[in-house]
PDB file of N, CA and C in Angstrom:
ATOM      1  N   MET A   1      86.828 135.395  93.550  1.00  0.00           N
ATOM      2  CA  MET A   1      86.944 135.633  94.846  1.00  0.00           C
ATOM      3  C   MET A   1      88.309 135.085  95.291  1.00  0.00           C
ATOM      4  N   ALA A   2      89.014 135.869  96.081  1.00  0.00           N
ATOM      5  CA  ALA A   2      90.384 135.373  96.492  1.00  0.00           C
ATOM      6  C   ALA A   2      90.293 134.312  97.611  1.00  0.00           C
ATOM      7  N   ARG A   3      91.218 133.394  97.509  1.00  0.00           N
ATOM      8  CA  ARG A   3      91.284 132.218  98.404  1.00  0.00           C
ATOM      9  C   ARG A   3      92.004 132.756  99.795  1.00  0.00           C
ATOM     10  N   ARG A   4      91.499 132.445 100.813  1.00  0.00           N
ATOM     11  CA  ARG A   4      92.136 132.884 102.098  1.00  0.00           C
ATOM     12  C   ARG A   4      93.255 131.900 102.479  1.00  0.00           C
ATOM     13  N   SER A   5      94.370 132.276 102.850  1.00  0.00           N
ATOM     14  CA  SER A   5      95.405 131.324 103.283  1.00  0.00           C
ATOM     15  C   SER A   5      95.122 130.750 104.679  1.00  0.00           C
ATOM     16  N   ALA A   6      95.415 129.507 104.808  1.00  0.00           N
ATOM     17  CA  ALA A   6      95.277 128.812 106.160  1.00  0.00           C
ATOM     18  C   ALA A   6      96.496 129.272 107.057  1.00  0.00           C
ATOM     19  N   VAL A   7      97.499 129.869 106.517  1.00  0.00           N
ATOM     20  CA  VAL A   7      98.557 130.291 107.391  1.00  0.00           C
ATOM     21  C   VAL A   7      98.492 131.810 107.684  1.00  0.00           C
ATOM     22  N   PRO A   8      98.528 132.148 108.942  1.00  0.00           N
ATOM     23  CA  PRO A   8      98.375 133.517 109.361  1.00  0.00           C
ATOM     24  C   PRO A   8      99.514 134.403 108.814  1.00  0.00           C
ATOM     25  N   ASP A   9      99.184 135.603 108.439  1.00  0.00           N
ATOM     26  CA  ASP A   9     100.208 136.560 107.854  1.00  0.00           C
ATOM     27  C   ASP A   9     101.380 136.753 108.658  1.00  0.00           C
ATOM     28  N   GLY A  10     101.278 136.763 109.990  1.00  0.00           N
ATOM     29  CA  GLY A  10     102.388 136.897 110.954  1.00  0.00           C
ATOM     30  C   GLY A  10     103.363 135.859 110.790  1.00  0.00           C
ATOM     31  N   LEU A  11     102.845 134.603 110.601  1.00  0.00           N
ATOM     32  CA  LEU A  11     103.680 133.287 110.546  1.00  0.00           C
ATOM     33  C   LEU A  11     104.349 133.403 109.027  1.00  0.00           C
ATOM     34  N   VAL A  12     103.675 133.791 108.096  1.00  0.00           N
ATOM     35  CA  VAL A  12     104.277 134.039 106.797  1.00  0.00           C
ATOM     36  C   VAL A  12     105.489 134.970 106.930  1.00  0.00           C
ATOM     37  N   ALA A  13     105.406 136.139 107.546  1.00  0.00           N
ATOM     38  CA  ALA A  13     106.366 137.117 107.591  1.00  0.00           C
ATOM     39  C   ALA A  13     107.542 136.595 108.473  1.00  0.00           C
ATOM     40  N   ALA A  14     107.166 135.890 109.584  1.00  0.00           N
ATOM     41  CA  ALA A  14     108.326 135.304 110.364  1.00  0.00           C
ATOM     42  C   ALA A  14     109.119 134.198 109.579  1.00  0.00           C
ATOM     43  N   ARG A  15     108.451 133.387 108.880  1.00  0.00           N
ATOM     44  CA  ARG A  15     109.184 132.429 107.954  1.00  0.00           C
ATOM     45  C   ARG A  15     109.966 133.099 106.940  1.00  0.00           C
ATOM     46  N   HIS A  16     109.470 134.229 106.375  1.00  0.00           N
ATOM     47  CA  HIS A  16     110.242 134.965 105.351  1.00  0.00           C
ATOM     48  C   HIS A  16     111.509 135.510 105.947  1.00  0.00           C
ATOM     49  N   ARG A  17     111.390 135.971 107.152  1.00  0.00           N
ATOM     50  CA  ARG A  17     112.544 136.595 107.721  1.00  0.00           C
ATOM     51  C   ARG A  17     113.520 135.523 108.113  1.00  0.00           C
ATOM     52  N   ALA A  18     113.060 134.499 108.485  1.00  0.00           N
ATOM     53  CA  ALA A  18     114.102 133.365 108.789  1.00  0.00           C
ATOM     54  C   ALA A  18     114.667 132.737 107.549  1.00  0.00           C
ATOM     55  N   ALA A  19     113.907 132.703 106.399  1.00  0.00           N
ATOM     56  CA  ALA A  19     114.403 132.116 105.203  1.00  0.00           C
ATOM     57  C   ALA A  19     115.436 133.084 104.486  1.00  0.00           C
ATOM     58  N   THR A  20     115.322 134.358 104.826  1.00  0.00           N
ATOM     59  CA  THR A  20     116.172 135.251 104.157  1.00  0.00           C
ATOM     60  C   THR A  20     117.213 135.860 105.210  1.00  0.00           C
ATOM     61  N   SER A  21     117.443 135.168 106.316  1.00  0.00           N
ATOM     62  CA  SER A  21     118.473 135.537 107.293  1.00  0.00           C
ATOM     63  C   SER A  21     119.878 135.199 106.654  1.00  0.00           C
ATOM     64  N   PRO A  22     120.884 135.799 107.081  1.00  0.00           N
ATOM     65  CA  PRO A  22     122.198 135.426 106.539  1.00  0.00           C
ATOM     66  C   PRO A  22     122.625 133.980 106.501  1.00  0.00           C
ATOM     67  N   VAL A  23     122.345 133.391 107.721  1.00  0.00           N
ATOM     68  CA  VAL A  23     122.474 131.930 107.887  1.00  0.00           C
ATOM     69  C   VAL A  23     121.665 131.057 106.853  1.00  0.00           C
ATOM     70  N   ALA A  24     120.478 131.429 106.731  1.00  0.00           N
ATOM     71  CA  ALA A  24     119.539 130.585 105.722  1.00  0.00           C
ATOM     72  C   ALA A  24     120.236 130.822 104.289  1.00  0.00           C
ATOM     73  N   LEU A  25     120.497 132.097 103.976  1.00  0.00           N
ATOM     74  CA  LEU A  25     120.997 132.291 102.618  1.00  0.00           C
ATOM     75  C   LEU A  25     122.305 131.675 102.406  1.00  0.00           C
ATOM     76  N   ALA A  26     123.163 131.551 103.406  1.00  0.00           N
ATOM     77  CA  ALA A  26     124.436 130.847 103.174  1.00  0.00           C
ATOM     78  C   ALA A  26     124.162 129.422 103.066  1.00  0.00           C
ATOM     79  N   THR A  27     123.265 128.786 103.826  1.00  0.00           N
ATOM     80  CA  THR A  27     122.954 127.374 103.721  1.00  0.00           C
ATOM     81  C   THR A  27     122.468 127.044 102.253  1.00  0.00           C
ATOM     82  N   ALA A  28     121.468 128.019 101.856  1.00  0.00           N
ATOM     83  CA  ALA A  28     120.928 127.788 100.517  1.00  0.00           C
ATOM     84  C   ALA A  28     121.974 127.752  99.392  1.00  0.00           C
ATOM     85  N   ALA A  29     123.085 128.602  99.585  1.00  0.00           N
ATOM     86  CA  ALA A  29     124.068 128.783  98.639  1.00  0.00           C
ATOM     87  C   ALA A  29     125.262 127.723  98.857  1.00  0.00           C
ATOM     88  N   GLY A  30     125.023 126.758  99.737  1.00  0.00           N
ATOM     89  CA  GLY A  30     126.048 125.725  99.990  1.00  0.00           C
ATOM     90  C   GLY A  30     127.109 126.171 100.891  1.00  0.00           C
ATOM     91  N   GLY A  31     126.965 127.207 101.537  1.00  0.00           N
ATOM     92  CA  GLY A  31     127.955 127.740 102.511  1.00  0.00           C
ATOM     93  C   GLY A  31     128.129 127.077 103.795  1.00  0.00           C
ATOM     94  N   ARG A  32     127.354 126.106 104.110  1.00  0.00           N
ATOM     95  CA  ARG A  32     127.454 125.315 105.302  1.00  0.00           C
ATOM     96  C   ARG A  32     127.626 123.919 105.048  1.00  0.00           C
ATOM     97  N   GLY A  33     128.331 123.525 103.916  1.00  0.00           N
ATOM     98  CA  GLY A  33     128.519 122.163 103.653  1.00  0.00           C
ATOM     99  C   GLY A  33     127.437 121.417 102.804  1.00  0.00           C
ATOM    100  N   ALA A  34     127.608 120.176 102.483  1.00  0.00           N
ATOM    101  CA  ALA A  34     126.589 119.501 101.619  1.00  0.00           C
ATOM    102  C   ALA A  34     125.490 119.036 102.448  1.00  0.00           C
ATOM    103  N   PRO A  35     124.326 118.966 101.763  1.00  0.00           N
ATOM    104  CA  PRO A  35     123.192 118.519 102.571  1.00  0.00           C
ATOM    105  C   PRO A  35     123.470 117.150 103.069  1.00  0.00           C
ATOM    106  N   GLU A  36     122.807 116.762 104.272  1.00  0.00           N
ATOM    107  CA  GLU A  36     122.962 115.560 104.948  1.00  0.00           C
ATOM    108  C   GLU A  36     122.134 114.490 104.497  1.00  0.00           C
ATOM    109  N   ASP A  37     122.501 113.407 104.001  1.00  0.00           N
ATOM    110  CA  ASP A  37     121.651 112.227 103.658  1.00  0.00           C
ATOM    111  C   ASP A  37     121.563 111.287 104.766  1.00  0.00           C
ATOM    112  N   LEU A  38     120.311 111.306 105.414  1.00  0.00           N
ATOM    113  CA  LEU A  38     120.185 110.419 106.533  1.00  0.00           C
ATOM    114  C   LEU A  38     119.613 108.957 106.152  1.00  0.00           C
ATOM    115  N   GLY A  39     119.399 108.870 104.790  1.00  0.00           N
ATOM    116  CA  GLY A  39     118.820 107.620 104.362  1.00  0.00           C
ATOM    117  C   GLY A  39     119.450 106.279 104.938  1.00  0.00           C
ATOM    118  N   PRO A  40     120.837 106.216 104.845  1.00  0.00           N
ATOM    119  CA  PRO A  40     121.493 105.040 105.310  1.00  0.00           C
ATOM    120  C   PRO A  40     121.177 104.698 106.781  1.00  0.00           C
ATOM    121  N   VAL A  41     120.848 105.641 107.568  1.00  0.00           N
ATOM    122  CA  VAL A  41     120.719 105.417 109.095  1.00  0.00           C
ATOM    123  C   VAL A  41     119.234 105.368 109.507  1.00  0.00           C
ATOM    124  N   LEU A  42     118.227 105.672 108.621  1.00  0.00           N
ATOM    125  CA  LEU A  42     116.899 105.570 108.967  1.00  0.00           C
ATOM    126  C   LEU A  42     116.501 104.224 109.552  1.00  0.00           C
ATOM    127  N   GLY A  43     117.017 103.147 109.031  1.00  0.00           N
ATOM    128  CA  GLY A  43     116.686 101.821 109.467  1.00  0.00           C
ATOM    129  C   GLY A  43     117.132 101.583 110.894  1.00  0.00           C
ATOM    130  N   GLU A  44     117.935 102.461 111.543  1.00  0.00           N
ATOM    131  CA  GLU A  44     118.571 102.227 112.885  1.00  0.00           C
ATOM    132  C   GLU A  44     117.519 102.919 113.888  1.00  0.00           C
ATOM    133  N   VAL A  45     116.528 103.586 113.461  1.00  0.00           N
ATOM    134  CA  VAL A  45     115.622 104.310 114.386  1.00  0.00           C
ATOM    135  C   VAL A  45     114.705 103.345 114.903  1.00  0.00           C
ATOM    136  N   ALA A  46     114.780 102.906 116.093  1.00  0.00           N
ATOM    137  CA  ALA A  46     114.014 101.828 116.739  1.00  0.00           C
ATOM    138  C   ALA A  46     112.549 102.430 117.203  1.00  0.00           C
ATOM    139  N   ALA A  47     112.477 103.759 117.578  1.00  0.00           N
ATOM    140  CA  ALA A  47     111.395 104.252 118.106  1.00  0.00           C
ATOM    141  C   ALA A  47     110.186 104.297 117.017  1.00  0.00           C
ATOM    142  N   PRO A  48     108.912 104.088 117.520  1.00  0.00           N
ATOM    143  CA  PRO A  48     107.893 104.202 116.616  1.00  0.00           C
ATOM    144  C   PRO A  48     107.845 105.780 116.147  1.00  0.00           C
ATOM    145  N   THR A  49     107.601 106.037 114.716  1.00  0.00           N
ATOM    146  CA  THR A  49     107.875 107.335 114.255  1.00  0.00           C
ATOM    147  C   THR A  49     106.613 107.694 113.363  1.00  0.00           C
ATOM    148  N   LEU A  50     106.108 108.864 113.522  1.00  0.00           N
ATOM    149  CA  LEU A  50     104.909 109.336 112.713  1.00  0.00           C
ATOM    150  C   LEU A  50     105.417 110.359 111.804  1.00  0.00           C
ATOM    151  N   VAL A  51     105.301 110.099 110.468  1.00  0.00           N
ATOM    152  CA  VAL A  51     105.670 111.013 109.357  1.00  0.00           C
ATOM    153  C   VAL A  51     104.351 111.795 109.027  1.00  0.00           C
ATOM    154  N   VAL A  52     104.302 113.084 109.158  1.00  0.00           N
ATOM    155  CA  VAL A  52     103.071 113.801 108.756  1.00  0.00           C
ATOM    156  C   VAL A  52     103.522 114.664 107.648  1.00  0.00           C
ATOM    157  N   HIS A  53     102.724 114.497 106.529  1.00  0.00           N
ATOM    158  CA  HIS A  53     103.181 115.319 105.333  1.00  0.00           C
ATOM    159  C   HIS A  53     102.047 115.858 104.595  1.00  0.00           C
ATOM    160  N   GLY A  54     102.308 117.055 104.155  1.00  0.00           N
ATOM    161  CA  GLY A  54     101.227 117.797 103.352  1.00  0.00           C
ATOM    162  C   GLY A  54     101.133 117.199 101.914  1.00  0.00           C
ATOM    163  N   ARG A  55      99.911 116.862 101.505  1.00  0.00           N
ATOM    164  CA  ARG A  55      99.715 116.248 100.116  1.00  0.00           C
ATOM    165  C   ARG A  55     100.260 117.183  98.993  1.00  0.00           C
ATOM    166  N   HIS A  56     100.202 118.604  99.323  1.00  0.00           N
ATOM    167  CA  HIS A  56     100.475 119.487  98.256  1.00  0.00           C
ATOM    168  C   HIS A  56     101.801 120.245  98.602  1.00  0.00           C
ATOM    169  N   ASP A  57     102.669 119.614  99.349  1.00  0.00           N
ATOM    170  CA  ASP A  57     104.060 120.125  99.569  1.00  0.00           C
ATOM    171  C   ASP A  57     104.735 120.345  98.254  1.00  0.00           C
ATOM    172  N   PRO A  58     105.165 121.630  98.089  1.00  0.00           N
ATOM    173  CA  PRO A  58     105.800 121.958  96.782  1.00  0.00           C
ATOM    174  C   PRO A  58     107.367 121.463  96.647  1.00  0.00           C
ATOM    175  N   PHE A  59     107.871 121.092  97.852  1.00  0.00           N
ATOM    176  CA  PHE A  59     109.299 120.635  97.855  1.00  0.00           C
ATOM    177  C   PHE A  59     109.368 119.091  97.698  1.00  0.00           C
ATOM    178  N   ALA A  60     108.474 118.351  98.191  1.00  0.00           N
ATOM    179  CA  ALA A  60     108.597 116.909  98.141  1.00  0.00           C
ATOM    180  C   ALA A  60     107.180 116.308  98.162  1.00  0.00           C
ATOM    181  N   GLY A  61     106.900 115.416  97.119  1.00  0.00           N
ATOM    182  CA  GLY A  61     105.504 114.838  97.111  1.00  0.00           C
ATOM    183  C   GLY A  61     105.260 113.714  98.146  1.00  0.00           C
ATOM    184  N   PRO A  62     104.027 113.286  98.286  1.00  0.00           N
ATOM    185  CA  PRO A  62     103.795 112.254  99.163  1.00  0.00           C
ATOM    186  C   PRO A  62     104.651 110.897  98.896  1.00  0.00           C
ATOM    187  N   GLU A  63     105.117 110.657  97.862  1.00  0.00           N
ATOM    188  CA  GLU A  63     106.030 109.606  97.665  1.00  0.00           C
ATOM    189  C   GLU A  63     107.300 109.638  98.364  1.00  0.00           C
ATOM    190  N   TYR A  64     107.746 110.873  98.557  1.00  0.00           N
ATOM    191  CA  TYR A  64     108.885 111.025  99.404  1.00  0.00           C
ATOM    192  C   TYR A  64     108.636 110.696 100.998  1.00  0.00           C
ATOM    193  N   ALA A  65     107.547 111.164 101.445  1.00  0.00           N
ATOM    194  CA  ALA A  65     107.070 110.928 102.723  1.00  0.00           C
ATOM    195  C   ALA A  65     106.937 109.380 102.887  1.00  0.00           C
ATOM    196  N   ALA A  66     106.438 108.634 101.975  1.00  0.00           N
ATOM    197  CA  ALA A  66     106.248 107.267 101.946  1.00  0.00           C
ATOM    198  C   ALA A  66     107.540 106.578 102.056  1.00  0.00           C
ATOM    199  N   PHE A  67     108.462 107.061 101.340  1.00  0.00           N
ATOM    200  CA  PHE A  67     109.890 106.556 101.266  1.00  0.00           C
ATOM    201  C   PHE A  67     110.460 106.627 102.768  1.00  0.00           C
ATOM    202  N   LEU A  68     110.305 107.906 103.325  1.00  0.00           N
ATOM    203  CA  LEU A  68     110.779 108.026 104.650  1.00  0.00           C
ATOM    204  C   LEU A  68     110.102 107.039 105.692  1.00  0.00           C
ATOM    205  N   ALA A  69     108.860 106.972 105.693  1.00  0.00           N
ATOM    206  CA  ALA A  69     108.055 106.076 106.606  1.00  0.00           C
ATOM    207  C   ALA A  69     108.388 104.731 106.257  1.00  0.00           C
ATOM    208  N   ASP A  70     108.694 104.309 105.052  1.00  0.00           N
ATOM    209  CA  ASP A  70     108.995 102.866 104.795  1.00  0.00           C
ATOM    210  C   ASP A  70     110.317 102.615 105.315  1.00  0.00           C
ATOM    211  N   ALA A  71     111.238 103.502 105.337  1.00  0.00           N
ATOM    212  CA  ALA A  71     112.590 103.370 105.705  1.00  0.00           C
ATOM    213  C   ALA A  71     112.814 103.206 107.154  1.00  0.00           C
ATOM    214  N   LEU A  72     111.767 103.622 107.939  1.00  0.00           N
ATOM    215  CA  LEU A  72     111.895 103.463 109.498  1.00  0.00           C
ATOM    216  C   LEU A  72     111.246 102.173 109.805  1.00  0.00           C
ATOM    217  N   PRO A  73     111.852 101.497 110.604  1.00  0.00           N
ATOM    218  CA  PRO A  73     111.272 100.146 111.018  1.00  0.00           C
ATOM    219  C   PRO A  73     109.896 100.130 111.628  1.00  0.00           C
ATOM    220  N   ALA A  74     109.789 101.265 112.354  1.00  0.00           N
ATOM    221  CA  ALA A  74     108.302 101.337 112.961  1.00  0.00           C
ATOM    222  C   ALA A  74     107.626 102.689 112.629  1.00  0.00           C
ATOM    223  N   GLY A  75     107.810 102.900 111.191  1.00  0.00           N
ATOM    224  CA  GLY A  75     107.271 104.064 110.583  1.00  0.00           C
ATOM    225  C   GLY A  75     105.821 104.169 110.277  1.00  0.00           C
ATOM    226  N   ASP A  76     105.117 105.151 110.564  1.00  0.00           N
ATOM    227  CA  ASP A  76     103.744 105.286 110.060  1.00  0.00           C
ATOM    228  C   ASP A  76     103.705 106.565 109.289  1.00  0.00           C
ATOM    229  N   LEU A  77     102.718 106.672 108.406  1.00  0.00           N
ATOM    230  CA  LEU A  77     102.603 107.892 107.476  1.00  0.00           C
ATOM    231  C   LEU A  77     101.115 108.485 107.589  1.00  0.00           C
ATOM    232  N   ALA A  78     101.167 109.784 107.656  1.00  0.00           N
ATOM    233  CA  ALA A  78      99.835 110.452 107.536  1.00  0.00           C
ATOM    234  C   ALA A  78     100.007 111.586 106.473  1.00  0.00           C
ATOM    235  N   VAL A  79      99.237 111.504 105.483  1.00  0.00           N
ATOM    236  CA  VAL A  79      99.260 112.591 104.515  1.00  0.00           C
ATOM    237  C   VAL A  79      97.988 113.294 104.558  1.00  0.00           C
ATOM    238  N   LEU A  80      98.142 114.604 104.676  1.00  0.00           N
ATOM    239  CA  LEU A  80      97.022 115.572 104.873  1.00  0.00           C
ATOM    240  C   LEU A  80      96.678 116.269 103.568  1.00  0.00           C
ATOM    241  N   GLY A  81      95.453 116.137 103.089  1.00  0.00           N
ATOM    242  CA  GLY A  81      95.058 116.885 101.954  1.00  0.00           C
ATOM    243  C   GLY A  81      94.858 118.342 102.265  1.00  0.00           C
ATOM    244  N   ARG A  82      94.714 119.200 101.318  1.00  0.00           N
ATOM    245  CA  ARG A  82      94.560 120.643 101.611  1.00  0.00           C
ATOM    246  C   ARG A  82      95.794 121.180 102.373  1.00  0.00           C
ATOM    247  N   THR A  83      96.918 120.578 102.358  1.00  0.00           N
ATOM    248  CA  THR A  83      97.962 120.965 103.241  1.00  0.00           C
ATOM    249  C   THR A  83      99.334 120.975 102.381  1.00  0.00           C
ATOM    250  N   ALA A  84     100.138 122.003 102.548  1.00  0.00           N
ATOM    251  CA  ALA A  84     101.419 122.065 101.865  1.00  0.00           C
ATOM    252  C   ALA A  84     102.586 121.719 102.748  1.00  0.00           C
ATOM    253  N   HIS A  85     103.491 122.667 102.878  1.00  0.00           N
ATOM    254  CA  HIS A  85     104.696 122.367 103.464  1.00  0.00           C
ATOM    255  C   HIS A  85     104.744 122.288 105.001  1.00  0.00           C
ATOM    256  N   HIS A  86     103.811 123.009 105.633  1.00  0.00           N
ATOM    257  CA  HIS A  86     103.916 123.153 107.087  1.00  0.00           C
ATOM    258  C   HIS A  86     102.606 122.701 107.693  1.00  0.00           C
ATOM    259  N   PRO A  87     102.258 121.346 107.783  1.00  0.00           N
ATOM    260  CA  PRO A  87     101.205 120.818 108.237  1.00  0.00           C
ATOM    261  C   PRO A  87     100.666 121.404 109.688  1.00  0.00           C
ATOM    262  N   GLN A  88     101.811 121.509 110.555  1.00  0.00           N
ATOM    263  CA  GLN A  88     101.529 121.844 111.924  1.00  0.00           C
ATOM    264  C   GLN A  88     100.874 123.358 111.963  1.00  0.00           C
ATOM    265  N   SER A  89     101.304 124.098 110.944  1.00  0.00           N
ATOM    266  CA  SER A  89     100.668 125.470 110.965  1.00  0.00           C
ATOM    267  C   SER A  89      99.409 125.635 110.115  1.00  0.00           C
ATOM    268  N   GLU A  90      99.390 124.941 109.106  1.00  0.00           N
ATOM    269  CA  GLU A  90      98.249 124.967 108.202  1.00  0.00           C
ATOM    270  C   GLU A  90      97.053 124.251 108.736  1.00  0.00           C
ATOM    271  N   ARG A  91      97.197 123.081 109.348  1.00  0.00           N
ATOM    272  CA  ARG A  91      96.117 122.311 109.880  1.00  0.00           C
ATOM    273  C   ARG A  91      96.520 121.855 111.295  1.00  0.00           C
ATOM    274  N   PRO A  92      96.599 122.764 112.240  1.00  0.00           N
ATOM    275  CA  PRO A  92      97.130 122.415 113.584  1.00  0.00           C
ATOM    276  C   PRO A  92      96.103 121.414 114.340  1.00  0.00           C
ATOM    277  N   ALA A  93      94.815 121.516 114.230  1.00  0.00           N
ATOM    278  CA  ALA A  93      93.996 120.614 114.821  1.00  0.00           C
ATOM    279  C   ALA A  93      94.100 119.164 114.240  1.00  0.00           C
ATOM    280  N   ALA A  94      94.227 119.022 113.060  1.00  0.00           N
ATOM    281  CA  ALA A  94      94.433 117.707 112.421  1.00  0.00           C
ATOM    282  C   ALA A  94      95.689 117.030 112.771  1.00  0.00           C
ATOM    283  N   VAL A  95      96.738 117.900 112.949  1.00  0.00           N
ATOM    284  CA  VAL A  95      98.064 117.404 113.257  1.00  0.00           C
ATOM    285  C   VAL A  95      97.998 117.017 114.756  1.00  0.00           C
ATOM    286  N   ALA A  96      97.403 117.841 115.485  1.00  0.00           N
ATOM    287  CA  ALA A  96      97.217 117.499 116.959  1.00  0.00           C
ATOM    288  C   ALA A  96      96.493 116.215 117.265  1.00  0.00           C
ATOM    289  N   ALA A  97      95.455 116.010 116.423  1.00  0.00           N
ATOM    290  CA  ALA A  97      94.606 114.683 116.461  1.00  0.00           C
ATOM    291  C   ALA A  97      95.448 113.601 116.072  1.00  0.00           C
ATOM    292  N   LEU A  98      96.209 113.698 114.964  1.00  0.00           N
ATOM    293  CA  LEU A  98      97.059 112.501 114.555  1.00  0.00           C
ATOM    294  C   LEU A  98      98.122 112.204 115.596  1.00  0.00           C
ATOM    295  N   ALA A  99      98.852 113.319 116.123  1.00  0.00           N
ATOM    296  CA  ALA A  99      99.838 112.984 117.191  1.00  0.00           C
ATOM    297  C   ALA A  99      99.165 112.468 118.429  1.00  0.00           C
ATOM    298  N   GLY A 100      98.017 112.938 118.771  1.00  0.00           N
ATOM    299  CA  GLY A 100      97.403 112.388 119.950  1.00  0.00           C
ATOM    300  C   GLY A 100      97.123 110.856 119.743  1.00  0.00           C
ATOM    301  N   ALA A 101      96.511 110.558 118.615  1.00  0.00           N
ATOM    302  CA  ALA A 101      96.076 109.115 118.338  1.00  0.00           C
ATOM    303  C   ALA A 101      97.445 108.190 118.253  1.00  0.00           C
ATOM    304  N   PHE A 102      98.415 108.873 117.663  1.00  0.00           N
ATOM    305  CA  PHE A 102      99.705 108.076 117.562  1.00  0.00           C
ATOM    306  C   PHE A 102     100.376 107.791 118.977  1.00  0.00           C
ATOM    307  N   LEU A 103     100.355 108.863 119.721  1.00  0.00           N
ATOM    308  CA  LEU A 103     100.880 108.782 121.081  1.00  0.00           C
ATOM    309  C   LEU A 103     100.168 107.962 122.069  1.00  0.00           C
ATOM    310  N   HIS A 104      98.844 107.890 121.892  1.00  0.00           N
ATOM    311  CA  HIS A 104      97.895 107.305 122.855  1.00  0.00           C
ATOM    312  C   HIS A 104      96.956 106.428 121.988  1.00  0.00           C
ATOM    313  N   PRO A 105      97.330 105.260 121.424  1.00  0.00           N
ATOM    314  CA  PRO A 105      96.574 104.681 120.454  1.00  0.00           C
ATOM    315  C   PRO A 105      95.271 104.004 120.975  1.00  0.00           C
ATOM    316  N   GLY A 106      95.153 103.755 122.230  1.00  0.00           N
ATOM    317  CA  GLY A 106      93.989 103.174 122.611  1.00  0.00           C
ATOM    318  C   GLY A 106      92.969 104.072 123.311  1.00  0.00           C
ATOM    319  N   SER A 107      93.279 105.377 123.299  1.00  0.00           N
ATOM    320  CA  SER A 107      92.487 106.342 123.947  1.00  0.00           C
ATOM    321  C   SER A 107      91.284 106.931 123.223  1.00  0.00           C
ATOM    322  N   ARG A 108      91.233 106.609 121.979  1.00  0.00           N
ATOM    323  CA  ARG A 108      90.205 107.085 121.093  1.00  0.00           C
ATOM    324  C   ARG A 108      89.068 106.133 120.755  1.00  0.00           C
TER     325      ARG A 108
END
């Protein structure tokens, strides 16, 4: 039995178009400069910050998300199972609930 994707076909097509645009391809080929390393300035972010990460992200594992959250002085981390690189698209209700609880901590 084929597994049904949590991401709608239209969204996959739109992301593919964006990823294969001339700007995206130039960026991937290094045509827009070196990747930016924000690690040294993460400690300057004073605002409470929620890092939401998919447990099965093929580009960076949960340990990377933990590194980001730990580098932020007021960082929190939520790792969603059954989720890859786009939690907001794959699990919109879960992300909305996490964001709501983060933004309004006493309301639940």
